[in-house]
C-alpha cells in the first residue's frame, strides 16, 4: 500500500537554482513539466495545494540533486512522480512521458495520480 507520493523535479535545489527557475517561469521557458504543473513564479499553485489536500497520502517533493543513488533514477527519467510504501524503494507512479502528456493541465495529473494509487 502506497503511503507517500514523491514529486521529483528535474531541477536542482537551493537558492540559486530557485532564482533561475523563477526567471525561467517569468520568461516562459519552463524546462520541467512537473514544475509547470505545480508551481508558478510566486510558489505553489493554489490548485496544486488543493489537489494535495484531496489526495489520501502524504506528498513530498525532491529535486534531482536530493535523490538517493539507491533509488536508481536516471536523469532521463525526470521529472516523475514516485510512490513509496514505508521505507521500501519507491516506484514510478507517473512517468516523465505521462507528465508531459498532461499538457499543463493539473486535472490530468490528479487523474493519473488517483488511478495509479487505486491500482496499487
N, C-alpha and C. Protein backbone atom coordinates (compact mmCIF):
# COMPACT_ATOMS: atom_id res chain seq x y z
N UNK A 1 0.84 -1.18 0.00
CA UNK A 1 0.00 0.00 0.00
C UNK A 1 0.88 1.24 0.00
N UNK A 2 0.69 2.09 -0.96
CA UNK A 2 1.45 3.33 -1.07
C UNK A 2 1.00 4.28 0.04
N UNK A 3 1.95 4.81 0.81
CA UNK A 3 1.59 5.77 1.85
C UNK A 3 2.21 7.14 1.62
N UNK A 4 2.97 7.26 0.52
CA UNK A 4 3.64 8.52 0.24
C UNK A 4 3.82 8.68 -1.28
N UNK A 5 3.57 9.88 -1.74
CA UNK A 5 3.82 10.25 -3.13
C UNK A 5 4.98 11.23 -3.11
N UNK A 6 5.95 11.00 -3.97
CA UNK A 6 7.14 11.85 -4.02
C UNK A 6 7.25 12.47 -5.40
N UNK A 7 7.13 13.79 -5.45
CA UNK A 7 7.33 14.51 -6.70
C UNK A 7 8.83 14.71 -6.87
N UNK A 8 9.36 14.33 -8.01
CA UNK A 8 10.79 14.50 -8.28
C UNK A 8 10.92 15.47 -9.45
N UNK A 9 11.40 16.66 -9.13
CA UNK A 9 11.56 17.71 -10.13
C UNK A 9 12.87 17.56 -10.88
N UNK A 10 12.84 17.89 -12.14
CA UNK A 10 14.05 17.88 -12.97
C UNK A 10 14.73 19.24 -12.83
N UNK A 11 15.13 19.53 -11.60
CA UNK A 11 15.78 20.78 -11.25
C UNK A 11 16.57 20.54 -9.97
N UNK A 12 17.56 21.36 -9.72
CA UNK A 12 18.34 21.25 -8.50
C UNK A 12 17.70 22.08 -7.38
N UNK A 13 18.07 21.76 -6.16
CA UNK A 13 17.57 22.50 -5.00
C UNK A 13 18.50 23.67 -4.71
N UNK A 14 18.09 24.53 -3.80
CA UNK A 14 18.92 25.64 -3.36
C UNK A 14 18.43 26.98 -3.86
N UNK A 15 18.96 28.02 -3.25
CA UNK A 15 18.52 29.39 -3.52
C UNK A 15 18.83 29.80 -4.96
N UNK A 16 20.03 29.53 -5.42
CA UNK A 16 20.41 29.91 -6.79
C UNK A 16 19.55 29.19 -7.82
N UNK A 17 19.34 27.90 -7.61
CA UNK A 17 18.51 27.13 -8.54
C UNK A 17 17.08 27.66 -8.54
N UNK A 18 16.57 28.04 -7.37
CA UNK A 18 15.22 28.60 -7.28
C UNK A 18 15.13 29.91 -8.04
N UNK A 19 16.14 30.76 -7.90
CA UNK A 19 16.16 32.02 -8.63
C UNK A 19 16.15 31.79 -10.13
N UNK A 20 16.95 30.85 -10.59
CA UNK A 20 16.99 30.52 -12.02
C UNK A 20 15.62 30.02 -12.47
N UNK A 21 14.98 29.18 -11.66
CA UNK A 21 13.65 28.67 -12.01
C UNK A 21 12.63 29.78 -12.11
N UNK A 22 12.66 30.73 -11.19
CA UNK A 22 11.73 31.87 -11.23
C UNK A 22 11.93 32.67 -12.51
N UNK A 23 13.17 32.92 -12.86
CA UNK A 23 13.47 33.67 -14.09
C UNK A 23 12.95 32.92 -15.31
N UNK A 24 13.15 31.60 -15.34
CA UNK A 24 12.63 30.79 -16.46
C UNK A 24 11.11 30.88 -16.54
N UNK A 25 10.45 30.78 -15.39
CA UNK A 25 8.99 30.86 -15.38
C UNK A 25 8.51 32.22 -15.90
N UNK A 26 9.15 33.28 -15.43
CA UNK A 26 8.75 34.63 -15.86
C UNK A 26 8.98 34.85 -17.35
N UNK A 27 9.99 34.17 -17.89
CA UNK A 27 10.27 34.34 -19.32
C UNK A 27 9.56 33.30 -20.18
N UNK A 28 8.78 32.41 -19.55
CA UNK A 28 8.04 31.41 -20.30
C UNK A 28 8.87 30.25 -20.79
N UNK A 29 9.99 29.98 -20.16
CA UNK A 29 10.89 28.90 -20.59
C UNK A 29 10.99 27.80 -19.54
N UNK A 30 9.89 27.21 -19.18
CA UNK A 30 9.89 26.14 -18.19
C UNK A 30 10.45 24.86 -18.79
N UNK A 31 11.43 24.26 -18.11
CA UNK A 31 12.06 23.04 -18.59
C UNK A 31 11.46 21.78 -17.98
N UNK A 32 10.81 21.91 -16.85
CA UNK A 32 10.31 20.76 -16.09
C UNK A 32 8.78 20.76 -16.13
N UNK A 33 8.20 19.72 -16.75
CA UNK A 33 6.73 19.68 -16.86
C UNK A 33 6.05 19.57 -15.49
N UNK A 34 6.71 18.93 -14.53
CA UNK A 34 6.14 18.84 -13.19
C UNK A 34 6.15 20.19 -12.49
N UNK A 35 7.23 20.95 -12.67
CA UNK A 35 7.29 22.31 -12.12
C UNK A 35 6.18 23.17 -12.72
N UNK A 36 5.98 23.03 -14.01
CA UNK A 36 4.95 23.81 -14.70
C UNK A 36 3.56 23.52 -14.13
N UNK A 37 3.30 22.26 -13.81
CA UNK A 37 2.00 21.87 -13.29
C UNK A 37 1.77 22.33 -11.86
N UNK A 38 2.81 22.37 -11.04
CA UNK A 38 2.63 22.57 -9.60
C UNK A 38 3.06 23.93 -9.07
N UNK A 39 3.92 24.64 -9.80
CA UNK A 39 4.47 25.90 -9.29
C UNK A 39 4.32 27.03 -10.30
N UNK A 40 4.07 28.22 -9.77
CA UNK A 40 4.15 29.46 -10.55
C UNK A 40 5.42 30.17 -10.11
N UNK A 41 5.68 31.32 -10.65
CA UNK A 41 6.86 32.10 -10.25
C UNK A 41 6.76 32.55 -8.79
N UNK A 42 5.54 32.55 -8.24
CA UNK A 42 5.32 33.01 -6.86
C UNK A 42 5.28 31.87 -5.84
N UNK A 43 5.37 30.63 -6.29
CA UNK A 43 5.33 29.49 -5.37
C UNK A 43 4.33 28.46 -5.82
N UNK A 44 3.94 27.56 -4.91
CA UNK A 44 2.99 26.51 -5.28
C UNK A 44 1.68 27.10 -5.78
N UNK A 45 1.15 26.52 -6.84
CA UNK A 45 -0.13 26.98 -7.37
C UNK A 45 -1.24 26.63 -6.38
N UNK A 46 -2.19 27.52 -6.17
CA UNK A 46 -3.32 27.21 -5.27
C UNK A 46 -4.06 25.94 -5.70
N UNK A 47 -4.17 25.70 -6.99
CA UNK A 47 -4.84 24.50 -7.46
C UNK A 47 -4.05 23.25 -7.09
N UNK A 48 -2.72 23.36 -7.05
CA UNK A 48 -1.89 22.23 -6.63
C UNK A 48 -2.07 21.98 -5.13
N UNK A 49 -2.08 23.04 -4.34
CA UNK A 49 -2.30 22.88 -2.90
C UNK A 49 -3.63 22.18 -2.63
N UNK A 50 -4.65 22.56 -3.38
CA UNK A 50 -5.97 21.94 -3.21
C UNK A 50 -5.91 20.46 -3.61
N UNK A 51 -5.20 20.16 -4.66
CA UNK A 51 -5.03 18.77 -5.09
C UNK A 51 -4.34 17.95 -4.00
N UNK A 52 -3.28 18.46 -3.44
CA UNK A 52 -2.56 17.76 -2.37
C UNK A 52 -3.50 17.48 -1.19
N UNK A 53 -4.34 18.44 -0.85
CA UNK A 53 -5.27 18.26 0.26
C UNK A 53 -6.29 17.16 -0.02
N UNK A 54 -6.59 16.92 -1.28
CA UNK A 54 -7.57 15.88 -1.65
C UNK A 54 -6.95 14.49 -1.73
N UNK A 55 -5.64 14.40 -1.89
CA UNK A 55 -5.01 13.10 -2.04
C UNK A 55 -4.98 12.35 -0.70
N UNK A 56 -5.16 11.04 -0.73
CA UNK A 56 -5.23 10.26 0.51
C UNK A 56 -3.87 9.84 1.08
N UNK A 57 -2.80 10.45 0.59
CA UNK A 57 -1.45 10.09 1.03
C UNK A 57 -0.63 11.36 1.28
N UNK A 58 0.49 11.18 1.96
CA UNK A 58 1.43 12.28 2.18
C UNK A 58 2.10 12.59 0.84
N UNK A 59 2.32 13.87 0.57
CA UNK A 59 3.01 14.28 -0.65
C UNK A 59 4.31 14.98 -0.27
N UNK A 60 5.42 14.49 -0.82
CA UNK A 60 6.73 15.08 -0.59
C UNK A 60 7.29 15.57 -1.92
N UNK A 61 8.27 16.44 -1.83
CA UNK A 61 8.94 16.95 -3.03
C UNK A 61 10.44 16.76 -2.89
N UNK A 62 11.07 16.39 -3.99
CA UNK A 62 12.53 16.28 -4.04
C UNK A 62 13.00 16.85 -5.36
N UNK A 63 14.23 17.32 -5.33
CA UNK A 63 14.89 17.79 -6.56
C UNK A 63 15.91 16.73 -6.96
N UNK A 64 16.34 16.79 -8.20
CA UNK A 64 17.24 15.72 -8.71
C UNK A 64 18.51 15.59 -7.90
N UNK A 65 19.02 16.66 -7.30
CA UNK A 65 20.24 16.56 -6.51
C UNK A 65 19.98 16.03 -5.10
N UNK A 66 18.73 15.73 -4.77
CA UNK A 66 18.37 15.20 -3.46
C UNK A 66 17.98 13.72 -3.51
N UNK A 67 18.19 13.08 -4.64
CA UNK A 67 17.79 11.69 -4.81
C UNK A 67 18.85 10.73 -4.32
N UNK A 68 18.48 9.78 -3.49
CA UNK A 68 19.44 8.76 -3.08
C UNK A 68 19.83 7.89 -4.28
N UNK A 69 21.10 7.60 -4.46
CA UNK A 69 21.53 6.78 -5.60
C UNK A 69 20.85 5.41 -5.64
N UNK A 70 20.54 4.86 -4.46
CA UNK A 70 19.94 3.52 -4.42
C UNK A 70 18.53 3.47 -5.02
N UNK A 71 17.92 4.62 -5.26
CA UNK A 71 16.61 4.64 -5.92
C UNK A 71 16.74 4.31 -7.40
N UNK A 72 17.93 4.45 -7.96
CA UNK A 72 18.18 4.05 -9.34
C UNK A 72 17.50 4.89 -10.40
N UNK A 73 17.26 6.15 -10.12
CA UNK A 73 16.61 7.02 -11.11
C UNK A 73 17.67 7.74 -11.94
N UNK A 74 17.55 7.66 -13.23
CA UNK A 74 18.48 8.38 -14.11
C UNK A 74 17.88 9.74 -14.45
N UNK A 75 18.71 10.62 -14.89
CA UNK A 75 18.25 11.98 -15.25
C UNK A 75 17.21 11.92 -16.36
N UNK A 76 17.34 10.95 -17.24
CA UNK A 76 16.38 10.80 -18.33
C UNK A 76 14.99 10.40 -17.89
N UNK A 77 14.84 9.99 -16.65
CA UNK A 77 13.53 9.60 -16.11
C UNK A 77 12.80 10.77 -15.46
N UNK A 78 13.50 11.91 -15.33
CA UNK A 78 12.95 13.05 -14.60
C UNK A 78 12.34 14.08 -15.53
N UNK A 79 11.31 14.74 -15.05
CA UNK A 79 10.63 14.62 -13.77
C UNK A 79 9.74 13.38 -13.75
N UNK A 80 9.34 13.00 -12.56
CA UNK A 80 8.41 11.89 -12.40
C UNK A 80 7.76 11.99 -11.02
N UNK A 81 6.77 11.15 -10.81
CA UNK A 81 6.12 11.06 -9.51
C UNK A 81 6.27 9.62 -9.04
N UNK A 82 6.79 9.47 -7.84
CA UNK A 82 7.03 8.15 -7.26
C UNK A 82 6.01 7.83 -6.19
N UNK A 83 5.83 6.56 -5.95
CA UNK A 83 5.02 6.09 -4.84
C UNK A 83 5.90 5.26 -3.93
N UNK A 84 5.73 5.41 -2.62
CA UNK A 84 6.56 4.67 -1.68
C UNK A 84 5.68 4.10 -0.57
N UNK A 85 6.03 2.89 -0.18
CA UNK A 85 5.37 2.23 0.94
C UNK A 85 6.40 2.03 2.03
N UNK A 86 6.21 2.70 3.16
CA UNK A 86 7.17 2.61 4.25
C UNK A 86 8.55 3.06 3.80
N UNK A 87 9.54 2.24 4.05
CA UNK A 87 10.92 2.57 3.67
C UNK A 87 11.37 1.81 2.42
N UNK A 88 10.42 1.16 1.74
CA UNK A 88 10.77 0.42 0.53
C UNK A 88 11.22 1.38 -0.57
N UNK A 89 11.93 0.83 -1.52
CA UNK A 89 12.36 1.63 -2.67
C UNK A 89 11.13 2.12 -3.43
N UNK A 90 11.05 3.40 -3.73
CA UNK A 90 9.88 3.93 -4.44
C UNK A 90 9.80 3.40 -5.87
N UNK A 91 8.57 3.40 -6.38
CA UNK A 91 8.33 3.01 -7.76
C UNK A 91 7.71 4.18 -8.50
N UNK A 92 7.86 4.20 -9.80
CA UNK A 92 7.32 5.29 -10.61
C UNK A 92 5.81 5.12 -10.74
N UNK A 93 5.08 6.15 -10.33
CA UNK A 93 3.62 6.17 -10.48
C UNK A 93 3.22 6.92 -11.75
N UNK A 94 3.90 8.04 -11.99
CA UNK A 94 3.62 8.87 -13.18
C UNK A 94 4.96 9.18 -13.81
N UNK A 95 5.16 8.69 -15.01
CA UNK A 95 6.44 8.84 -15.71
C UNK A 95 6.61 10.23 -16.32
N UNK A 96 7.80 10.47 -16.75
CA UNK A 96 8.12 11.73 -17.45
C UNK A 96 7.18 11.94 -18.64
N UNK A 97 6.98 10.89 -19.41
CA UNK A 97 6.13 10.98 -20.60
C UNK A 97 4.67 11.24 -20.22
N UNK A 98 4.22 10.60 -19.15
CA UNK A 98 2.83 10.81 -18.70
C UNK A 98 2.64 12.24 -18.18
N UNK A 99 3.66 12.78 -17.52
CA UNK A 99 3.57 14.18 -17.06
C UNK A 99 3.49 15.13 -18.24
N UNK A 100 4.31 14.88 -19.26
CA UNK A 100 4.28 15.73 -20.45
C UNK A 100 2.93 15.64 -21.14
N UNK A 101 2.33 14.45 -21.11
CA UNK A 101 1.03 14.26 -21.75
C UNK A 101 -0.10 15.01 -21.03
N UNK A 102 0.14 15.47 -19.82
CA UNK A 102 -0.86 16.26 -19.10
C UNK A 102 -1.10 17.60 -19.79
N UNK A 103 -0.16 18.03 -20.59
CA UNK A 103 -0.34 19.26 -21.35
C UNK A 103 -0.54 20.49 -20.48
N UNK A 104 0.07 20.51 -19.29
CA UNK A 104 -0.07 21.66 -18.42
C UNK A 104 -1.36 21.68 -17.63
N UNK A 105 -2.17 20.63 -17.73
CA UNK A 105 -3.46 20.58 -17.04
C UNK A 105 -3.32 19.80 -15.72
N UNK A 106 -3.48 20.48 -14.62
CA UNK A 106 -3.36 19.85 -13.31
C UNK A 106 -4.42 18.77 -13.11
N UNK A 107 -5.59 18.95 -13.68
CA UNK A 107 -6.64 17.94 -13.55
C UNK A 107 -6.17 16.61 -14.11
N UNK A 108 -5.43 16.66 -15.21
CA UNK A 108 -4.92 15.43 -15.82
C UNK A 108 -3.91 14.75 -14.89
N UNK A 109 -3.06 15.53 -14.23
CA UNK A 109 -2.11 14.95 -13.28
C UNK A 109 -2.86 14.31 -12.12
N UNK A 110 -3.85 14.99 -11.59
CA UNK A 110 -4.60 14.43 -10.46
C UNK A 110 -5.27 13.12 -10.86
N UNK A 111 -5.83 13.06 -12.06
CA UNK A 111 -6.46 11.82 -12.55
C UNK A 111 -5.43 10.70 -12.62
N UNK A 112 -4.25 11.00 -13.15
CA UNK A 112 -3.19 9.98 -13.26
C UNK A 112 -2.74 9.51 -11.87
N UNK A 113 -2.59 10.44 -10.94
CA UNK A 113 -2.20 10.08 -9.59
C UNK A 113 -3.25 9.18 -8.92
N UNK A 114 -4.49 9.57 -9.03
CA UNK A 114 -5.57 8.79 -8.40
C UNK A 114 -5.66 7.39 -9.02
N UNK A 115 -5.52 7.30 -10.33
CA UNK A 115 -5.57 5.99 -11.00
C UNK A 115 -4.40 5.12 -10.56
N UNK A 116 -3.21 5.70 -10.48
CA UNK A 116 -2.03 4.95 -10.05
C UNK A 116 -2.16 4.48 -8.61
N UNK A 117 -2.67 5.33 -7.73
CA UNK A 117 -2.85 4.96 -6.32
C UNK A 117 -3.91 3.86 -6.19
N UNK A 118 -4.96 3.93 -6.98
CA UNK A 118 -6.01 2.92 -6.92
C UNK A 118 -5.51 1.56 -7.41
N UNK A 119 -4.55 1.58 -8.31
CA UNK A 119 -4.01 0.33 -8.87
C UNK A 119 -3.02 -0.35 -7.93
N UNK A 120 -2.55 0.35 -6.92
CA UNK A 120 -1.55 -0.21 -6.01
C UNK A 120 -2.16 -0.94 -4.83
